[in-house]
PDB file of N, CA and C in Angstrom:
ATOM      1  N   UNK A   1     -59.080-198.177-196.123  1.00  0.00           N
ATOM      2  CA  UNK A   1     -59.698-199.175-195.312  1.00  0.00           C
ATOM      3  C   UNK A   1     -61.015-198.736-194.804  1.00  0.00           C
ATOM      4  N   UNK A   2     -61.713-199.841-194.381  1.00  0.00           N
ATOM      5  CA  UNK A   2     -63.421-199.283-193.848  1.00  0.00           C
ATOM      6  C   UNK A   2     -63.521-198.890-192.311  1.00  0.00           C
ATOM      7  N   UNK A   3     -64.262-197.703-192.722  1.00  0.00           N
ATOM      8  CA  UNK A   3     -64.465-197.173-191.096  1.00  0.00           C
ATOM      9  C   UNK A   3     -65.137-198.347-190.327  1.00  0.00           C
ATOM     10  N   UNK A   4     -64.678-198.479-189.087  1.00  0.00           N
ATOM     11  CA  UNK A   4     -65.391-199.366-188.054  1.00  0.00           C
ATOM     12  C   UNK A   4     -66.627-198.621-187.487  1.00  0.00           C
ATOM     13  N   UNK A   5     -67.411-199.341-187.434  1.00  0.00           N
ATOM     14  CA  UNK A   5     -68.805-198.951-186.802  1.00  0.00           C
ATOM     15  C   UNK A   5     -68.521-198.439-185.244  1.00  0.00           C
ATOM     16  N   UNK A   6     -68.795-197.397-184.514  1.00  0.00           N
ATOM     17  CA  UNK A   6     -68.756-197.393-183.513  1.00  0.00           C
ATOM     18  C   UNK A   6     -69.830-198.437-182.590  1.00  0.00           C
ATOM     19  N   UNK A   7     -69.153-198.896-181.577  1.00  0.00           N
ATOM     20  CA  UNK A   7     -70.122-199.898-180.376  1.00  0.00           C
ATOM     21  C   UNK A   7     -71.239-198.877-180.304  1.00  0.00           C
ATOM     22  N   UNK A   8     -72.780-199.264-180.397  1.00  0.00           N
ATOM     23  CA  UNK A   8     -73.938-198.696-180.043  1.00  0.00           C
ATOM     24  C   UNK A   8     -74.474-197.698-180.594  1.00  0.00           C
ATOM     25  N   UNK A   9     -73.872-197.306-181.882  1.00  0.00           N
ATOM     26  CA  UNK A   9     -74.243-196.629-182.710  1.00  0.00           C
ATOM     27  C   UNK A   9     -75.000-197.307-184.229  1.00  0.00           C
ATOM     28  N   UNK A  10     -75.056-198.442-184.138  1.00  0.00           N
ATOM     29  CA  UNK A  10     -75.618-199.348-185.407  1.00  0.00           C
ATOM     30  C   UNK A  10     -77.016-198.942-185.149  1.00  0.00           C
ATOM     31  N   UNK A  11     -77.649-199.310-186.394  1.00  0.00           N
ATOM     32  CA  UNK A  11     -78.828-199.191-186.841  1.00  0.00           C
ATOM     33  C   UNK A  11     -79.908-199.800-186.055  1.00  0.00           C
ATOM     34  N   UNK A  12     -79.609-201.095-185.161  1.00  0.00           N
ATOM     35  CA  UNK A  12     -80.264-201.783-184.408  1.00  0.00           C
ATOM     36  C   UNK A  12     -80.029-201.699-183.057  1.00  0.00           C
ATOM     37  N   UNK A  13     -79.203-200.681-182.625  1.00  0.00           N
ATOM     38  CA  UNK A  13     -78.656-200.578-181.133  1.00  0.00           C
ATOM     39  C   UNK A  13     -79.912-200.461-180.376  1.00  0.00           C
ATOM     40  N   UNK A  14     -79.819-200.862-179.262  1.00  0.00           N
ATOM     41  CA  UNK A  14     -80.382-199.854-178.116  1.00  0.00           C
ATOM     42  C   UNK A  14     -79.967-198.636-177.801  1.00  0.00           C
ATOM     43  N   UNK A  15     -79.030-198.369-177.700  1.00  0.00           N
ATOM     44  CA  UNK A  15     -78.384-196.983-177.658  1.00  0.00           C
ATOM     45  C   UNK A  15     -79.071-195.970-178.376  1.00  0.00           C
ATOM     46  N   UNK A  16     -79.082-196.270-179.742  1.00  0.00           N
ATOM     47  CA  UNK A  16     -79.789-195.400-180.679  1.00  0.00           C
ATOM     48  C   UNK A  16     -81.132-195.309-180.735  1.00  0.00           C
ATOM     49  N   UNK A  17     -81.888-196.326-180.329  1.00  0.00           N
ATOM     50  CA  UNK A  17     -83.304-196.551-179.976  1.00  0.00           C
ATOM     51  C   UNK A  17     -83.624-195.637-178.972  1.00  0.00           C
ATOM     52  N   UNK A  18     -82.918-195.745-177.772  1.00  0.00           N
ATOM     53  CA  UNK A  18     -83.054-194.936-176.420  1.00  0.00           C
ATOM     54  C   UNK A  18     -82.879-193.358-176.892  1.00  0.00           C
ATOM     55  N   UNK A  19     -81.766-192.836-177.642  1.00  0.00           N
ATOM     56  CA  UNK A  19     -81.446-191.861-177.883  1.00  0.00           C
ATOM     57  C   UNK A  19     -82.496-191.078-178.974  1.00  0.00           C
ATOM     58  N   UNK A  20     -82.697-191.707-179.724  1.00  0.00           N
ATOM     59  CA  UNK A  20     -83.527-191.050-181.034  1.00  0.00           C
ATOM     60  C   UNK A  20     -84.962-191.239-180.971  1.00  0.00           C
ATOM     61  N   UNK A  21     -85.685-192.591-179.829  1.00  0.00           N
ATOM     62  CA  UNK A  21     -87.007-192.457-179.935  1.00  0.00           C
ATOM     63  C   UNK A  21     -87.307-192.326-178.322  1.00  0.00           C
ATOM     64  N   UNK A  22     -86.865-193.131-177.418  1.00  0.00           N
ATOM     65  CA  UNK A  22     -87.463-193.264-175.960  1.00  0.00           C
ATOM     66  C   UNK A  22     -87.402-191.881-175.355  1.00  0.00           C
ATOM     67  N   UNK A  23     -86.132-191.285-175.402  1.00  0.00           N
ATOM     68  CA  UNK A  23     -85.824-190.024-174.778  1.00  0.00           C
ATOM     69  C   UNK A  23     -86.670-188.922-175.068  1.00  0.00           C
ATOM     70  N   UNK A  24     -86.815-188.715-176.626  1.00  0.00           N
ATOM     71  CA  UNK A  24     -87.507-187.731-177.196  1.00  0.00           C
ATOM     72  C   UNK A  24     -88.982-187.782-176.744  1.00  0.00           C
ATOM     73  N   UNK A  25     -89.792-189.123-176.728  1.00  0.00           N
ATOM     74  CA  UNK A  25     -90.877-189.390-176.163  1.00  0.00           C
ATOM     75  C   UNK A  25     -90.957-188.943-174.925  1.00  0.00           C
ATOM     76  N   UNK A  26     -90.140-189.661-174.154  1.00  0.00           N
ATOM     77  CA  UNK A  26     -90.649-189.254-172.596  1.00  0.00           C
ATOM     78  C   UNK A  26     -90.433-187.903-172.471  1.00  0.00           C
ATOM     79  N   UNK A  27     -89.775-187.173-172.905  1.00  0.00           N
ATOM     80  CA  UNK A  27     -89.701-185.521-172.686  1.00  0.00           C
ATOM     81  C   UNK A  27     -90.864-184.862-173.396  1.00  0.00           C
ATOM     82  N   UNK A  28     -91.491-185.456-174.240  1.00  0.00           N
ATOM     83  CA  UNK A  28     -92.610-184.942-174.834  1.00  0.00           C
ATOM     84  C   UNK A  28     -93.950-185.266-173.972  1.00  0.00           C
ATOM     85  N   UNK A  29     -93.898-186.061-173.069  1.00  0.00           N
ATOM     86  CA  UNK A  29     -95.311-186.327-172.184  1.00  0.00           C
ATOM     87  C   UNK A  29     -95.638-185.024-171.441  1.00  0.00           C
ATOM     88  N   UNK A  30     -96.807-185.195-171.568  1.00  0.00           N
ATOM     89  CA  UNK A  30     -97.443-183.943-170.284  1.00  0.00           C
ATOM     90  C   UNK A  30     -97.236-184.321-169.123  1.00  0.00           C
ATOM     91  N   UNK A  31     -96.861-183.288-168.239  1.00  0.00           N
ATOM     92  CA  UNK A  31     -96.689-183.916-167.006  1.00  0.00           C
ATOM     93  C   UNK A  31     -98.083-182.947-166.033  1.00  0.00           C
ATOM     94  N   UNK A  32     -98.907-183.682-165.774  1.00  0.00           N
ATOM     95  CA  UNK A  32    -100.308-183.354-165.118  1.00  0.00           C
ATOM     96  C   UNK A  32    -100.321-183.402-163.397  1.00  0.00           C
ATOM     97  N   UNK A  33     -99.068-183.661-162.898  1.00  0.00           N
ATOM     98  CA  UNK A  33     -98.755-183.939-161.568  1.00  0.00           C
ATOM     99  C   UNK A  33     -98.810-182.631-160.734  1.00  0.00           C
ATOM    100  N   UNK A  34     -99.246-182.547-159.715  1.00  0.00           N
ATOM    101  CA  UNK A  34     -98.864-181.374-158.911  1.00  0.00           C
ATOM    102  C   UNK A  34     -97.712-180.650-159.198  1.00  0.00           C
ATOM    103  N   UNK A  35     -97.418-179.235-158.764  1.00  0.00           N
ATOM    104  CA  UNK A  35     -96.323-178.704-159.256  1.00  0.00           C
ATOM    105  C   UNK A  35     -95.223-178.888-157.985  1.00  0.00           C
ATOM    106  N   UNK A  36     -95.414-179.540-157.027  1.00  0.00           N
ATOM    107  CA  UNK A  36     -94.316-179.736-156.118  1.00  0.00           C
ATOM    108  C   UNK A  36     -93.685-181.174-156.201  1.00  0.00           C
ATOM    109  N   UNK A  37     -94.004-181.639-157.582  1.00  0.00           N
ATOM    110  CA  UNK A  37     -93.134-182.750-157.587  1.00  0.00           C
ATOM    111  C   UNK A  37     -91.413-182.924-157.495  1.00  0.00           C
ATOM    112  N   UNK A  38     -90.576-183.831-157.297  1.00  0.00           N
ATOM    113  CA  UNK A  38     -89.387-183.377-156.808  1.00  0.00           C
ATOM    114  C   UNK A  38     -88.521-183.907-158.340  1.00  0.00           C
ATOM    115  N   UNK A  39     -89.259-185.023-159.363  1.00  0.00           N
ATOM    116  CA  UNK A  39     -88.820-185.570-160.312  1.00  0.00           C
ATOM    117  C   UNK A  39     -89.539-184.979-161.828  1.00  0.00           C
ATOM    118  N   UNK A  40     -88.514-184.799-162.733  1.00  0.00           N
ATOM    119  CA  UNK A  40     -89.613-184.588-163.885  1.00  0.00           C
ATOM    120  C   UNK A  40     -90.140-185.798-164.424  1.00  0.00           C
ATOM    121  N   UNK A  41     -91.509-185.452-165.314  1.00  0.00           N
ATOM    122  CA  UNK A  41     -91.909-186.609-165.689  1.00  0.00           C
ATOM    123  C   UNK A  41     -91.051-187.562-166.688  1.00  0.00           C
ATOM    124  N   UNK A  42     -90.297-186.824-167.305  1.00  0.00           N
ATOM    125  CA  UNK A  42     -89.214-187.615-168.163  1.00  0.00           C
ATOM    126  C   UNK A  42     -88.359-188.597-167.313  1.00  0.00           C
ATOM    127  N   UNK A  43     -87.670-188.243-166.192  1.00  0.00           N
ATOM    128  CA  UNK A  43     -87.165-188.998-165.326  1.00  0.00           C
ATOM    129  C   UNK A  43     -88.049-190.327-164.887  1.00  0.00           C
ATOM    130  N   UNK A  44     -89.296-189.998-164.568  1.00  0.00           N
ATOM    131  CA  UNK A  44     -89.921-190.914-163.933  1.00  0.00           C
ATOM    132  C   UNK A  44     -90.351-192.038-164.963  1.00  0.00           C
ATOM    133  N   UNK A  45     -90.594-191.649-165.968  1.00  0.00           N
ATOM    134  CA  UNK A  45     -90.681-192.676-167.245  1.00  0.00           C
ATOM    135  C   UNK A  45     -89.266-193.401-167.469  1.00  0.00           C
ATOM    136  N   UNK A  46     -88.141-192.676-167.285  1.00  0.00           N
ATOM    137  CA  UNK A  46     -86.736-193.351-167.693  1.00  0.00           C
ATOM    138  C   UNK A  46     -86.748-194.386-166.531  1.00  0.00           C
ATOM    139  N   UNK A  47     -87.180-194.067-164.988  1.00  0.00           N
ATOM    140  CA  UNK A  47     -86.999-195.289-164.158  1.00  0.00           C
ATOM    141  C   UNK A  47     -88.005-196.189-164.476  1.00  0.00           C
ATOM    142  N   UNK A  48     -89.381-195.808-164.684  1.00  0.00           N
ATOM    143  CA  UNK A  48     -90.139-197.065-165.099  1.00  0.00           C
ATOM    144  C   UNK A  48     -89.636-198.037-166.298  1.00  0.00           C
ATOM    145  N   UNK A  49     -89.136-197.281-167.400  1.00  0.00           N
ATOM    146  CA  UNK A  49     -88.540-197.944-168.490  1.00  0.00           C
ATOM    147  C   UNK A  49     -87.402-199.087-168.079  1.00  0.00           C
ATOM    148  N   UNK A  50     -86.343-198.529-167.326  1.00  0.00           N
ATOM    149  CA  UNK A  50     -85.662-199.271-166.784  1.00  0.00           C
ATOM    150  C   UNK A  50     -85.781-200.269-165.867  1.00  0.00           C
ATOM    151  N   UNK A  51     -86.973-200.049-164.777  1.00  0.00           N
ATOM    152  CA  UNK A  51     -87.416-201.301-164.050  1.00  0.00           C
ATOM    153  C   UNK A  51     -87.889-202.415-165.239  1.00  0.00           C
ATOM    154  N   UNK A  52     -88.655-202.211-165.895  1.00  0.00           N
ATOM    155  CA  UNK A  52     -89.125-203.414-166.940  1.00  0.00           C
ATOM    156  C   UNK A  52     -88.047-203.742-167.649  1.00  0.00           C
ATOM    157  N   UNK A  53     -87.329-203.043-168.212  1.00  0.00           N
ATOM    158  CA  UNK A  53     -86.126-203.435-169.089  1.00  0.00           C
ATOM    159  C   UNK A  53     -85.349-204.513-168.362  1.00  0.00           C
ATOM    160  N   UNK A  54     -85.026-204.229-167.031  1.00  0.00           N
ATOM    161  CA  UNK A  54     -84.114-205.137-166.401  1.00  0.00           C
ATOM    162  C   UNK A  54     -85.184-206.171-166.104  1.00  0.00           C
ATOM    163  N   UNK A  55     -86.093-206.070-165.629  1.00  0.00           N
ATOM    164  CA  UNK A  55     -87.081-207.415-165.214  1.00  0.00           C
ATOM    165  C   UNK A  55     -86.961-208.545-166.095  1.00  0.00           C
ATOM    166  N   UNK A  56     -87.156-207.955-167.403  1.00  0.00           N
ATOM    167  CA  UNK A  56     -87.422-209.081-168.529  1.00  0.00           C
ATOM    168  C   UNK A  56     -86.864-208.671-169.968  1.00  0.00           C
ATOM    169  N   UNK A  57     -86.453-209.984-170.393  1.00  0.00           N
ATOM    170  CA  UNK A  57     -85.459-209.505-171.953  1.00  0.00           C
ATOM    171  C   UNK A  57     -86.199-208.905-173.068  1.00  0.00           C
ATOM    172  N   UNK A  58     -87.636-209.225-172.907  1.00  0.00           N
ATOM    173  CA  UNK A  58     -88.265-208.960-173.924  1.00  0.00           C
ATOM    174  C   UNK A  58     -89.885-208.563-173.616  1.00  0.00           C
ATOM    175  N   UNK A  59     -90.774-208.173-174.736  1.00  0.00           N
ATOM    176  CA  UNK A  59     -92.023-207.958-173.845  1.00  0.00           C
ATOM    177  C   UNK A  59     -92.692-209.155-174.124  1.00  0.00           C
ATOM    178  N   UNK A  60     -92.653-210.061-174.815  1.00  0.00           N
ATOM    179  CA  UNK A  60     -92.866-211.598-174.893  1.00  0.00           C
ATOM    180  C   UNK A  60     -92.567-212.132-173.578  1.00  0.00           C
ATOM    181  N   UNK A  61     -91.277-212.009-173.247  1.00  0.00           N
ATOM    182  CA  UNK A  61     -90.861-212.568-171.833  1.00  0.00           C
ATOM    183  C   UNK A  61     -91.800-212.105-170.511  1.00  0.00           C
ATOM    184  N   UNK A  62     -91.952-210.579-170.378  1.00  0.00           N
ATOM    185  CA  UNK A  62     -92.825-210.158-169.560  1.00  0.00           C
ATOM    186  C   UNK A  62     -94.235-210.618-169.773  1.00  0.00           C
ATOM    187  N   UNK A  63     -94.672-210.800-170.924  1.00  0.00           N
ATOM    188  CA  UNK A  63     -96.490-211.525-171.014  1.00  0.00           C
ATOM    189  C   UNK A  63     -96.084-212.849-170.548  1.00  0.00           C
ATOM    190  N   UNK A  64     -95.230-213.426-170.938  1.00  0.00           N
ATOM    191  CA  UNK A  64     -95.407-214.880-170.187  1.00  0.00           C
ATOM    192  C   UNK A  64     -95.498-214.930-168.873  1.00  0.00           C
ATOM    193  N   UNK A  65     -94.500-214.150-168.302  1.00  0.00           N
ATOM    194  CA  UNK A  65     -94.084-214.052-166.874  1.00  0.00           C
ATOM    195  C   UNK A  65     -95.480-213.740-166.275  1.00  0.00           C
ATOM    196  N   UNK A  66     -96.094-212.512-166.592  1.00  0.00           N
ATOM    197  CA  UNK A  66     -97.303-211.853-166.241  1.00  0.00           C
ATOM    198  C   UNK A  66     -98.293-212.975-166.036  1.00  0.00           C
ATOM    199  N   UNK A  67     -98.687-213.880-167.155  1.00  0.00           N
ATOM    200  CA  UNK A  67     -99.609-214.831-167.354  1.00  0.00           C
ATOM    201  C   UNK A  67     -99.239-215.777-166.035  1.00  0.00           C
ATOM    202  N   UNK A  68     -98.069-216.276-165.947  1.00  0.00           N
ATOM    203  CA  UNK A  68     -97.841-217.319-164.887  1.00  0.00           C
ATOM    204  C   UNK A  68     -97.953-216.793-163.424  1.00  0.00           C
ATOM    205  N   UNK A  69     -97.684-215.359-163.463  1.00  0.00           N
ATOM    206  CA  UNK A  69     -97.791-214.893-161.901  1.00  0.00           C
ATOM    207  C   UNK A  69     -99.594-214.605-161.791  1.00  0.00           C
ATOM    208  N   UNK A  70    -100.006-214.284-162.766  1.00  0.00           N
ATOM    209  CA  UNK A  70    -101.496-214.255-162.732  1.00  0.00           C
ATOM    210  C   UNK A  70    -102.225-215.747-162.152  1.00  0.00           C
ATOM    211  N   UNK A  71    -101.428-216.495-162.779  1.00  0.00           N
ATOM    212  CA  UNK A  71    -102.113-217.788-162.669  1.00  0.00           C
ATOM    213  C   UNK A  71    -101.677-218.415-161.467  1.00  0.00           C
ATOM    214  N   UNK A  72    -100.504-218.399-160.895  1.00  0.00           N
ATOM    215  CA  UNK A  72    -100.059-218.704-159.311  1.00  0.00           C
ATOM    216  C   UNK A  72    -101.132-217.708-158.530  1.00  0.00           C
ATOM    217  N   UNK A  73    -101.195-216.649-158.759  1.00  0.00           N
ATOM    218  CA  UNK A  73    -102.194-215.720-157.727  1.00  0.00           C
ATOM    219  C   UNK A  73    -103.450-216.338-157.665  1.00  0.00           C
ATOM    220  N   UNK A  74    -104.082-216.774-158.810  1.00  0.00           N
ATOM    221  CA  UNK A  74    -105.613-217.166-158.763  1.00  0.00           C
ATOM    222  C   UNK A  74    -105.413-218.663-158.077  1.00  0.00           C
ATOM    223  N   UNK A  75    -104.520-219.388-158.272  1.00  0.00           N
ATOM    224  CA  UNK A  75    -104.320-220.596-157.711  1.00  0.00           C
ATOM    225  C   UNK A  75    -104.443-220.289-156.015  1.00  0.00           C
ATOM    226  N   UNK A  76    -103.445-219.386-155.522  1.00  0.00           N
ATOM    227  CA  UNK A  76    -103.324-219.324-154.071  1.00  0.00           C
ATOM    228  C   UNK A  76    -104.507-218.531-153.665  1.00  0.00           C
ATOM    229  N   UNK A  77    -105.150-217.820-154.342  1.00  0.00           N
ATOM    230  CA  UNK A  77    -106.260-216.967-153.660  1.00  0.00           C
ATOM    231  C   UNK A  77    -107.728-217.516-154.316  1.00  0.00           C
TER     232      UNK A  77
END
């Protein structure tokens, strides 16, 4: 019998990308903020990434949306 691949562990899965690339990258970022911060730099970066990834399905969609929003703001103001 063939072994079934567990969901989220495939070579192109988001879970794997996050676990093997993004999380270590976020942890490696230097924190140059004041020492009285409440959240780690890693947690702040994870929150920013979550907001970005939930807003648009891809970087291409984000860029298209940003250009449209810039155009709208330029027209209004």
